[in-house]
C-alpha atoms as a PDB file:
ATOM      1  CA  MET A   1     189.118  33.423-145.896  1.00  0.00           C
ATOM      2  CA  ALA A   2     189.425  31.401-149.303  1.00  0.00           C
ATOM      3  CA  THR A   3     191.485  28.095-149.541  1.00  0.00           C
ATOM      4  CA  VAL A   4     193.546  27.240-152.782  1.00  0.00           C
ATOM      5  CA  ASN A   5     195.396  24.557-154.142  1.00  0.00           C
ATOM      6  CA  PHE A   6     199.120  25.797-153.592  1.00  0.00           C
ATOM      7  CA  THR A   7     201.511  23.494-155.820  1.00  0.00           C
ATOM      8  CA  TYR A   8     205.037  24.618-154.582  1.00  0.00           C
ATOM      9  CA  ASP A   9     208.436  22.585-153.928  1.00  0.00           C
ATOM     10  CA  TYR A  10     209.286  21.730-150.505  1.00  0.00           C
ATOM     11  CA  PRO A  11     211.914  23.697-149.099  1.00  0.00           C
ATOM     12  CA  TYR A  12     213.363  21.165-146.831  1.00  0.00           C
ATOM     13  CA  ALA A  13     213.370  18.426-148.755  1.00  0.00           C
ATOM     14  CA  GLY A  14     216.085  15.132-147.926  1.00  0.00           C
ATOM     15  CA  TYR A  15     217.100  13.410-145.195  1.00  0.00           C
ATOM     16  CA  GLY A  16     216.447  14.740-141.858  1.00  0.00           C
ATOM     17  CA  GLU A  17     214.317  14.090-138.367  1.00  0.00           C
ATOM     18  CA  ASP A  18     213.514  17.907-138.257  1.00  0.00           C
ATOM     19  CA  GLY A  19     211.717  18.887-141.344  1.00  0.00           C
ATOM     20  CA  ARG A  20     207.945  18.029-141.991  1.00  0.00           C
ATOM     21  CA  LEU A  21     208.236  16.488-145.219  1.00  0.00           C
ATOM     22  CA  GLN A  22     211.910  15.010-144.820  1.00  0.00           C
ATOM     23  CA  ASN A  23     212.658  11.476-144.989  1.00  0.00           C
ATOM     24  CA  LYS A  24     214.382   8.947-142.506  1.00  0.00           C
ATOM     25  CA  TRP A  25     215.044   5.011-142.873  1.00  0.00           C
ATOM     26  CA  SER A  26     212.344   2.646-141.934  1.00  0.00           C
ATOM     27  CA  GLU A  27     213.178   0.609-139.701  1.00  0.00           C
ATOM     28  CA  SER A  28     210.970  -2.419-140.987  1.00  0.00           C
ATOM     29  CA  ARG A  29     212.234  -4.633-143.660  1.00  0.00           C
ATOM     30  CA  VAL A  30     209.828  -4.964-146.714  1.00  0.00           C
ATOM     31  CA  THR A  31     209.900  -7.190-149.689  1.00  0.00           C
ATOM     32  CA  LEU A  32     209.553  -5.460-153.255  1.00  0.00           C
ATOM     33  CA  ASN A  33     210.099  -8.145-156.530  1.00  0.00           C
ATOM     34  CA  GLY A  34     211.355 -11.186-154.628  1.00  0.00           C
ATOM     35  CA  CYS A  35     214.010  -8.801-152.686  1.00  0.00           C
ATOM     36  CA  TYR A  36     214.474  -7.592-149.333  1.00  0.00           C
ATOM     37  CA  THR A  37     214.865  -3.441-148.719  1.00  0.00           C
ATOM     38  CA  TYR A  38     214.682  -1.300-146.004  1.00  0.00           C
ATOM     39  CA  PRO A  39     212.467   1.652-147.378  1.00  0.00           C
ATOM     40  CA  MET A  40     212.726   5.494-147.138  1.00  0.00           C
ATOM     41  CA  VAL A  41     209.628   6.715-144.737  1.00  0.00           C
ATOM     42  CA  PHE A  42     208.898  10.653-145.071  1.00  0.00           C
ATOM     43  CA  ASN A  43     208.264  12.249-141.475  1.00  0.00           C
ATOM     44  CA  THR A  44     204.394  13.077-142.429  1.00  0.00           C
ATOM     45  CA  ALA A  45     202.583  11.838-145.479  1.00  0.00           C
ATOM     46  CA  VAL A  46     203.773  13.812-148.883  1.00  0.00           C
ATOM     47  CA  PRO A  47     200.635  15.342-149.921  1.00  0.00           C
ATOM     48  CA  GLN A  48     199.565  14.755-154.069  1.00  0.00           C
ATOM     49  CA  CYS A  49     203.580  14.481-155.072  1.00  0.00           C
ATOM     50  CA  LYS A  50     203.546  16.368-158.631  1.00  0.00           C
ATOM     51  CA  HIS A  51     207.483  15.782-159.229  1.00  0.00           C
ATOM     52  CA  ILE A  52     210.492  14.578-157.649  1.00  0.00           C
ATOM     53  CA  ASN A  53     213.943  14.330-158.033  1.00  0.00           C
ATOM     54  CA  MET A  54     216.478  12.180-156.117  1.00  0.00           C
ATOM     55  CA  ASN A  55     219.487  11.144-156.543  1.00  0.00           C
ATOM     56  CA  VAL A  56     220.263   7.031-155.992  1.00  0.00           C
ATOM     57  CA  GLU A  57     223.145   5.406-155.204  1.00  0.00           C
ATOM     58  CA  ILE A  58     223.877   1.566-154.960  1.00  0.00           C
ATOM     59  CA  GLU A  59     226.953  -0.344-154.229  1.00  0.00           C
ATOM     60  CA  ASN A  60     227.508  -4.005-154.176  1.00  0.00           C
ATOM     61  CA  THR A  61     227.955  -5.387-150.621  1.00  0.00           C
ATOM     62  CA  GLY A  62     227.876  -9.129-151.455  1.00  0.00           C
ATOM     63  CA  SER A  63     229.481 -12.140-154.495  1.00  0.00           C
ATOM     64  CA  GLY A  64     228.503 -10.581-158.400  1.00  0.00           C
ATOM     65  CA  THR A  65     226.961  -7.396-158.989  1.00  0.00           C
ATOM     66  CA  VAL A  66     223.721  -5.902-159.205  1.00  0.00           C
ATOM     67  CA  LEU A  67     224.928  -2.871-161.287  1.00  0.00           C
ATOM     68  CA  GLY A  68     224.291  -2.266-164.683  1.00  0.00           C
ATOM     69  CA  ARG A  69     220.977  -4.343-164.903  1.00  0.00           C
ATOM     70  CA  SER A  70     216.908  -2.747-164.469  1.00  0.00           C
ATOM     71  CA  TRP A  71     215.711  -1.376-161.591  1.00  0.00           C
ATOM     72  CA  ASP A  72     212.198  -0.366-160.047  1.00  0.00           C
ATOM     73  CA  PHE A  73     211.475   2.479-158.096  1.00  0.00           C
ATOM     74  CA  PHE A  74     208.348   2.265-155.849  1.00  0.00           C
ATOM     75  CA  ILE A  75     206.202   4.565-153.559  1.00  0.00           C
ATOM     76  CA  TYR A  76     203.819   3.704-150.779  1.00  0.00           C
ATOM     77  CA  ARG A  77     200.812   5.353-151.875  1.00  0.00           C
ATOM     78  CA  GLN A  78     198.699   5.933-148.805  1.00  0.00           C
ATOM     79  CA  SER A  79     195.993   3.441-148.103  1.00  0.00           C
ATOM     80  CA  TYR A  80     196.586   1.948-151.438  1.00  0.00           C
ATOM     81  CA  GLY A  81     200.089   0.001-151.023  1.00  0.00           C
ATOM     82  CA  TRP A  82     203.474   0.200-152.883  1.00  0.00           C
ATOM     83  CA  TYR A  83     203.063   1.458-156.624  1.00  0.00           C
ATOM     84  CA  GLU A  84     205.759   1.251-159.313  1.00  0.00           C
ATOM     85  CA  VAL A  85     206.693   4.576-160.788  1.00  0.00           C
ATOM     86  CA  CYS A  86     209.260   3.613-163.467  1.00  0.00           C
ATOM     87  CA  SER A  87     212.111   1.299-164.237  1.00  0.00           C
ATOM     88  CA  PHE A  88     215.387   2.178-165.342  1.00  0.00           C
ATOM     89  CA  THR A  89     218.820   0.971-165.690  1.00  0.00           C
ATOM     90  CA  LEU A  90     221.275   1.345-163.173  1.00  0.00           C
ATOM     91  CA  PRO A  91     224.648   2.191-164.649  1.00  0.00           C
ATOM     92  CA  ASP A  92     227.581   0.171-163.825  1.00  0.00           C
ATOM     93  CA  ASP A  93     228.699   3.108-161.578  1.00  0.00           C
ATOM     94  CA  GLY A  94     225.554   2.254-159.576  1.00  0.00           C
ATOM     95  CA  LYS A  95     224.933   6.081-159.636  1.00  0.00           C
ATOM     96  CA  TYR A  96     221.217   7.493-161.290  1.00  0.00           C
ATOM     97  CA  THR A  97     218.904  10.314-160.855  1.00  0.00           C
ATOM     98  CA  ILE A  98     215.685  10.005-160.585  1.00  0.00           C
ATOM     99  CA  ASP A  99     214.174  13.225-162.192  1.00  0.00           C
ATOM    100  CA  ARG A 100     210.145  12.729-163.090  1.00  0.00           C
ATOM    101  CA  ASP A 101     206.470  14.221-162.779  1.00  0.00           C
ATOM    102  CA  MET A 102     204.591  11.816-160.376  1.00  0.00           C
ATOM    103  CA  PRO A 103     200.817  11.299-160.661  1.00  0.00           C
ATOM    104  CA  GLY A 104     200.093  13.148-157.447  1.00  0.00           C
ATOM    105  CA  TYR A 105     199.065  10.533-154.869  1.00  0.00           C
ATOM    106  CA  THR A 106     199.917  10.821-151.227  1.00  0.00           C
ATOM    107  CA  ILE A 107     203.158   8.736-150.268  1.00  0.00           C
ATOM    108  CA  THR A 108     204.398   7.849-147.350  1.00  0.00           C
ATOM    109  CA  GLN A 109     207.738   5.664-148.326  1.00  0.00           C
ATOM    110  CA  ILE A 110     209.846   5.671-151.211  1.00  0.00           C
ATOM    111  CA  ALA A 111     212.223   2.353-152.566  1.00  0.00           C
ATOM    112  CA  CYS A 112     214.622   0.970-155.338  1.00  0.00           C
ATOM    113  CA  VAL A 113     215.430  -2.686-155.776  1.00  0.00           C
ATOM    114  CA  PRO A 114     216.297  -4.829-159.029  1.00  0.00           C
ATOM    115  CA  SER A 115     213.413  -5.497-161.269  1.00  0.00           C
ATOM    116  CA  ALA A 116     214.152  -9.097-160.515  1.00  0.00           C
ATOM    117  CA  ASN A 117     215.614 -11.060-158.005  1.00  0.00           C
ATOM    118  CA  PRO A 118     219.004 -11.332-158.552  1.00  0.00           C
ATOM    119  CA  GLY A 119     220.079 -14.036-155.974  1.00  0.00           C
ATOM    120  CA  SER A 120     220.561 -14.635-152.367  1.00  0.00           C
ATOM    121  CA  SER A 121     224.340 -14.015-153.184  1.00  0.00           C
ATOM    122  CA  ARG A 122     224.019 -10.586-154.281  1.00  0.00           C
ATOM    123  CA  THR A 123     223.245  -7.937-152.311  1.00  0.00           C
ATOM    124  CA  TRP A 124     223.659  -4.549-152.122  1.00  0.00           C
ATOM    125  CA  SER A 125     223.736  -0.840-149.476  1.00  0.00           C
ATOM    126  CA  THR A 126     221.573   1.695-150.758  1.00  0.00           C
ATOM    127  CA  TRP A 127     221.349   5.575-150.469  1.00  0.00           C
ATOM    128  CA  TYR A 128     218.927   8.411-151.189  1.00  0.00           C
ATOM    129  CA  GLY A 129     219.330  11.795-151.909  1.00  0.00           C
ATOM    130  CA  ILE A 130     216.209  13.988-152.539  1.00  0.00           C
ATOM    131  CA  GLU A 131     216.448  17.271-153.820  1.00  0.00           C
ATOM    132  CA  GLN A 132     213.614  18.122-155.372  1.00  0.00           C
ATOM    133  CA  LEU A 133     210.040  17.490-153.913  1.00  0.00           C
ATOM    134  CA  THR A 134     206.909  18.849-155.933  1.00  0.00           C
ATOM    135  CA  ILE A 135     203.532  18.799-153.546  1.00  0.00           C
ATOM    136  CA  THR A 136     200.054  20.228-154.121  1.00  0.00           C
ATOM    137  CA  GLU A 137     198.174  21.645-150.518  1.00  0.00           C
ATOM    138  CA  THR A 138     195.212  22.584-150.054  1.00  0.00           C
ATOM    139  CA  VAL A 139     196.105  25.750-148.004  1.00  0.00           C
ATOM    140  CA  THR A 140     194.000  28.652-146.313  1.00  0.00           C
ATOM    141  CA  VAL A 141     195.323  32.509-147.755  1.00  0.00           C
ATOM    142  CA  ASN A 142     195.222  34.444-144.367  1.00  0.00           C
ATOM    143  CA  GLU A 143     194.510  37.531-144.798  1.00  0.00           C
ATOM    144  CA  LEU A 144     196.497  40.792-144.501  1.00  0.00           C
ATOM    145  CA  THR A 145     195.795  44.013-142.112  1.00  0.00           C
ATOM    146  CA  THR A 146     196.596  47.789-141.648  1.00  0.00           C
ATOM    147  CA  GLY A 147     196.961  50.060-138.872  1.00  0.00           C
ATOM    148  CA  THR A 148     199.606  48.036-136.605  1.00  0.00           C
ATOM    149  CA  PHE A 149     202.785  49.639-138.127  1.00  0.00           C
ATOM    150  CA  GLN A 150     203.041  53.070-140.183  1.00  0.00           C
ATOM    151  CA  TYR A 151     205.424  54.315-142.784  1.00  0.00           C
ATOM    152  CA  GLY A 152     206.443  58.077-143.539  1.00  0.00           C
ATOM    153  CA  VAL A 153     209.096  60.722-142.760  1.00  0.00           C
ATOM    154  CA  PHE A 154     209.831  61.295-139.141  1.00  0.00           C
ATOM    155  CA  ALA A 155     212.393  63.103-137.765  1.00  0.00           C
ATOM    156  CA  ASN A 156     215.333  61.737-135.289  1.00  0.00           C
ATOM    157  CA  TYR A 157     219.073  63.072-134.037  1.00  0.00           C
ATOM    158  CA  TYR A 158     220.523  62.371-137.542  1.00  0.00           C
ATOM    159  CA  GLY A 159     217.811  64.179-139.505  1.00  0.00           C
ATOM    160  CA  LEU A 160     214.888  62.710-141.391  1.00  0.00           C
ATOM    161  CA  GLU A 161     214.347  58.835-142.417  1.00  0.00           C
ATOM    162  CA  GLN A 162     211.630  56.918-143.340  1.00  0.00           C
ATOM    163  CA  LYS A 163     211.160  54.040-141.577  1.00  0.00           C
ATOM    164  CA  LEU A 164     208.090  51.376-140.510  1.00  0.00           C
ATOM    165  CA  THR A 165     207.534  52.216-137.036  1.00  0.00           C
ATOM    166  CA  GLU A 166     204.442  51.590-134.322  1.00  0.00           C
ATOM    167  CA  VAL A 167     202.821  54.732-133.483  1.00  0.00           C
ATOM    168  CA  TYR A 168     201.111  55.262-129.557  1.00  0.00           C
ATOM    169  CA  ALA A 169     199.402  57.888-128.619  1.00  0.00           C
ATOM    170  CA  ASN A 170     198.498  58.870-124.402  1.00  0.00           C
ATOM    171  CA  ILE A 171     194.500  58.732-124.180  1.00  0.00           C
ATOM    172  CA  ASP A 172     193.516  59.856-121.011  1.00  0.00           C
ATOM    173  CA  GLY A 173     196.822  58.894-119.329  1.00  0.00           C
ATOM    174  CA  THR A 174     197.095  54.904-121.165  1.00  0.00           C
ATOM    175  CA  LEU A 175     198.849  54.482-123.974  1.00  0.00           C
ATOM    176  CA  LYS A 176     196.820  53.268-126.919  1.00  0.00           C
ATOM    177  CA  GLN A 177     198.118  52.110-130.512  1.00  0.00           C
ATOM    178  CA  ALA A 178     197.217  54.496-133.390  1.00  0.00           C
ATOM    179  CA  THR A 179     195.665  52.824-136.214  1.00  0.00           C
ATOM    180  CA  ASP A 180     195.529  55.839-138.721  1.00  0.00           C
ATOM    181  CA  VAL A 181     198.057  58.715-138.809  1.00  0.00           C
ATOM    182  CA  LEU A 182     196.950  62.382-140.286  1.00  0.00           C
ATOM    183  CA  VAL A 183     199.777  64.664-141.282  1.00  0.00           C
ATOM    184  CA  ASN A 184     198.758  68.355-142.842  1.00  0.00           C
ATOM    185  CA  ILE A 185     200.350  68.504-146.470  1.00  0.00           C
ATOM    186  CA  ASP A 186     199.627  71.681-147.752  1.00  0.00           C
ATOM    187  CA  GLY A 187     196.228  72.590-145.680  1.00  0.00           C
ATOM    188  CA  SER A 188     195.186  68.963-145.871  1.00  0.00           C
ATOM    189  CA  LEU A 189     194.851  66.172-143.863  1.00  0.00           C
ATOM    190  CA  VAL A 190     196.658  63.276-145.579  1.00  0.00           C
ATOM    191  CA  SER A 191     196.957  59.338-144.206  1.00  0.00           C
ATOM    192  CA  LEU A 192     200.340  58.028-143.580  1.00  0.00           C
ATOM    193  CA  PRO A 193     201.274  54.992-146.173  1.00  0.00           C
ATOM    194  CA  LYS A 194     199.216  52.282-145.574  1.00  0.00           C
ATOM    195  CA  VAL A 195     201.451  48.996-144.439  1.00  0.00           C
ATOM    196  CA  ASN A 196     199.758  45.527-144.597  1.00  0.00           C
ATOM    197  CA  SER A 197     201.051  43.186-141.918  1.00  0.00           C
ATOM    198  CA  ALA A 198     200.286  39.786-140.219  1.00  0.00           C
ATOM    199  CA  TYR A 199     201.460  38.394-137.081  1.00  0.00           C
ATOM    200  CA  LEU A 200     202.267  34.723-136.387  1.00  0.00           C
ATOM    201  CA  LYS A 201     204.093  32.448-134.306  1.00  0.00           C
ATOM    202  CA  THR A 202     204.773  28.967-134.745  1.00  0.00           C
ATOM    203  CA  GLU A 203     206.233  25.922-133.360  1.00  0.00           C
ATOM    204  CA  SER A 204     207.419  23.636-135.818  1.00  0.00           C
ATOM    205  CA  ASP A 205     208.331  23.295-139.336  1.00  0.00           C
ATOM    206  CA  THR A 206     205.239  24.554-140.848  1.00  0.00           C
ATOM    207  CA  MET A 207     204.438  26.991-143.806  1.00  0.00           C
ATOM    208  CA  THR A 208     201.509  30.010-143.330  1.00  0.00           C
ATOM    209  CA  LEU A 209     199.920  31.684-146.819  1.00  0.00           C
ATOM    210  CA  TYR A 210     199.011  35.346-147.702  1.00  0.00           C
ATOM    211  CA  GLY A 211     197.351  36.621-150.514  1.00  0.00           C
ATOM    212  CA  PHE A 212     198.410  40.560-151.837  1.00  0.00           C
ATOM    213  CA  THR A 213     197.171  42.443-154.342  1.00  0.00           C
ATOM    214  CA  PRO A 214     199.155  46.042-154.983  1.00  0.00           C
ATOM    215  CA  PRO A 215     196.355  48.758-155.520  1.00  0.00           C
ATOM    216  CA  VAL A 216     199.243  50.798-157.291  1.00  0.00           C
ATOM    217  CA  SER A 217     201.954  49.491-159.723  1.00  0.00           C
ATOM    218  CA  GLY A 218     205.863  50.103-158.366  1.00  0.00           C
ATOM    219  CA  SER A 219     208.433  48.751-155.414  1.00  0.00           C
ATOM    220  CA  TYR A 220     206.852  46.989-152.818  1.00  0.00           C
ATOM    221  CA  ARG A 221     208.984  46.234-149.856  1.00  0.00           C
ATOM    222  CA  ILE A 222     208.353  42.865-147.953  1.00  0.00           C
ATOM    223  CA  THR A 223     210.157  42.318-145.055  1.00  0.00           C
ATOM    224  CA  GLN A 224     209.812  40.770-141.548  1.00  0.00           C
ATOM    225  CA  LYS A 225     209.631  42.435-137.896  1.00  0.00           C
ATOM    226  CA  LYS A 226     211.810  39.462-136.102  1.00  0.00           C
ATOM    227  CA  ILE A 227     210.755  38.592-132.623  1.00  0.00           C
ATOM    228  CA  SER A 228     212.216  35.025-132.085  1.00  0.00           C
ATOM    229  CA  GLY A 229     213.459  32.182-134.258  1.00  0.00           C
ATOM    230  CA  ASP A 230     213.444  31.910-137.573  1.00  0.00           C
ATOM    231  CA  HIS A 231     210.454  32.844-140.243  1.00  0.00           C
ATOM    232  CA  GLU A 232     211.516  32.174-144.322  1.00  0.00           C
ATOM    233  CA  ILE A 233     209.364  34.794-146.852  1.00  0.00           C
ATOM    234  CA  ARG A 234     209.357  33.191-150.369  1.00  0.00           C
ATOM    235  CA  LEU A 235     206.967  35.368-153.093  1.00  0.00           C
ATOM    236  CA  TYR A 236     204.952  33.725-155.662  1.00  0.00           C
ATOM    237  CA  GLY A 237     203.088  34.827-158.531  1.00  0.00           C
ATOM    238  CA  SER A 238     199.336  33.850-158.746  1.00  0.00           C
ATOM    239  CA  ASP A 239     200.225  31.004-161.295  1.00  0.00           C
ATOM    240  CA  PHE A 240     202.490  29.821-158.188  1.00  0.00           C
ATOM    241  CA  THR A 241     205.589  30.422-159.843  1.00  0.00           C
ATOM    242  CA  PRO A 242     208.683  31.322-157.739  1.00  0.00           C
ATOM    243  CA  LEU A 243     209.480  35.206-158.353  1.00  0.00           C
ATOM    244  CA  TYR A 244     212.599  35.209-156.274  1.00  0.00           C
ATOM    245  CA  ASP A 245     215.155  31.725-155.938  1.00  0.00           C
ATOM    246  CA  GLY A 246     215.259  31.172-152.669  1.00  0.00           C
ATOM    247  CA  TYR A 247     213.639  32.773-149.478  1.00  0.00           C
ATOM    248  CA  PHE A 248     214.432  35.992-148.050  1.00  0.00           C
ATOM    249  CA  TYR A 249     213.929  38.377-144.818  1.00  0.00           C
ATOM    250  CA  ASP A 250     213.508  41.771-146.627  1.00  0.00           C
ATOM    251  CA  ARG A 251     213.924  42.681-150.303  1.00  0.00           C
ATOM    252  CA  SER A 252     211.980  44.930-153.179  1.00  0.00           C
ATOM    253  CA  PHE A 253     209.941  43.727-155.713  1.00  0.00           C
ATOM    254  CA  ASP A 254     207.911  46.035-158.534  1.00  0.00           C
ATOM    255  CA  LEU A 255     204.652  45.134-158.322  1.00  0.00           C
ATOM    256  CA  ALA A 256     201.671  45.046-160.934  1.00  0.00           C
ATOM    257  CA  ALA A 257     198.555  46.763-159.561  1.00  0.00           C
ATOM    258  CA  GLY A 258     195.676  44.596-159.869  1.00  0.00           C
ATOM    259  CA  THR A 259     197.808  41.266-159.833  1.00  0.00           C
ATOM    260  CA  LEU A 260     197.474  38.757-157.425  1.00  0.00           C
ATOM    261  CA  TYR A 261     200.852  37.652-155.056  1.00  0.00           C
ATOM    262  CA  TYR A 262     201.210  34.700-152.873  1.00  0.00           C
ATOM    263  CA  ILE A 263     203.471  35.079-150.147  1.00  0.00           C
ATOM    264  CA  THR A 264     204.770  32.158-147.658  1.00  0.00           C
ATOM    265  CA  VAL A 265     206.235  32.682-144.349  1.00  0.00           C
ATOM    266  CA  THR A 266     207.766  28.923-143.475  1.00  0.00           C
ATOM    267  CA  HIS A 267     209.260  28.070-140.294  1.00  0.00           C
ATOM    268  CA  TYR A 268     212.892  27.119-140.220  1.00  0.00           C
ATOM    269  CA  ARG A 269     213.010  23.199-139.798  1.00  0.00           C
ATOM    270  CA  GLY A 270     215.054  22.389-136.318  1.00  0.00           C
ATOM    271  CA  ALA A 271     214.199  26.205-135.465  1.00  0.00           C
ATOM    272  CA  GLY A 272     212.476  26.668-132.113  1.00  0.00           C
ATOM    273  CA  THR A 273     209.210  28.651-131.500  1.00  0.00           C
ATOM    274  CA  SER A 274     209.549  31.483-133.822  1.00  0.00           C
ATOM    275  CA  GLU A 275     207.535  34.844-134.055  1.00  0.00           C
ATOM    276  CA  SER A 276     207.832  37.629-136.496  1.00  0.00           C
ATOM    277  CA  TYR A 277     205.253  40.096-138.184  1.00  0.00           C
ATOM    278  CA  LEU A 278     205.325  40.246-142.024  1.00  0.00           C
ATOM    279  CA  GLN A 279     205.255  43.663-143.392  1.00  0.00           C
ATOM    280  CA  ILE A 280     204.209  44.717-146.992  1.00  0.00           C
ATOM    281  CA  TYR A 281     204.346  48.289-148.228  1.00  0.00           C
ATOM    282  CA  LYS A 282     205.105  50.575-150.982  1.00  0.00           C
ATOM    283  CA  GLU A 283     208.359  52.183-151.109  1.00  0.00           C
ATOM    284  CA  ALA A 284     208.660  56.146-151.070  1.00  0.00           C
END
């Protein structure tokens, strides 16, 4: 299977214990610019950070003020140490948004401190809220298969309905799954439309990537057969541009023939064991 350097916004950015790239307060104090501070540490190292949008809130807790002065934003570059990303003037209300491209380093911690030590009598409390964390990961592009599910016209108690189904046949007293179903249409045997699918079982916050290239243009439904837990689906173009704002479980999209699309299936942070089938098929 091929690999790709996949650039995307980590969906669960922010404070938390469950998400792979969420962050929490460090138990260890560090010194930056001569100032003591407790940084925020990510649950696991953030690979190739390309962009960050982060709200910073500072409150005075001592005599004097640390507001309305120059502050520095630091990241801890894995295997290298602390690195100053930028300086900014903290407004008098103590609130500032850092929204900037990043150098693509793998980072483990973040912190903001005054650009110079303001004196021992001036102390402060800090809060960080990460809104966007764009990263690049080298991930495997998993393959979709056909034959597990069939899509066609089947009779039921209410008439005729088109739906996904699994077909089994009795072969010598044993039920075996049919991987292809032929129907007689005007005297010719024709296979039912193919359903692309993939089975996935995960235990914690992880993203699995699939590639799909439609053979013909048209409306395709991207859905899932949920077994347990919570798997979120997202759709991207070949240049990693999101084609839908957020995640979904069942949606139709107009897709172009011969164009590569990426589909991610992500284990929702904090969910238990999650198991599902990703399903993609051209709607009639």
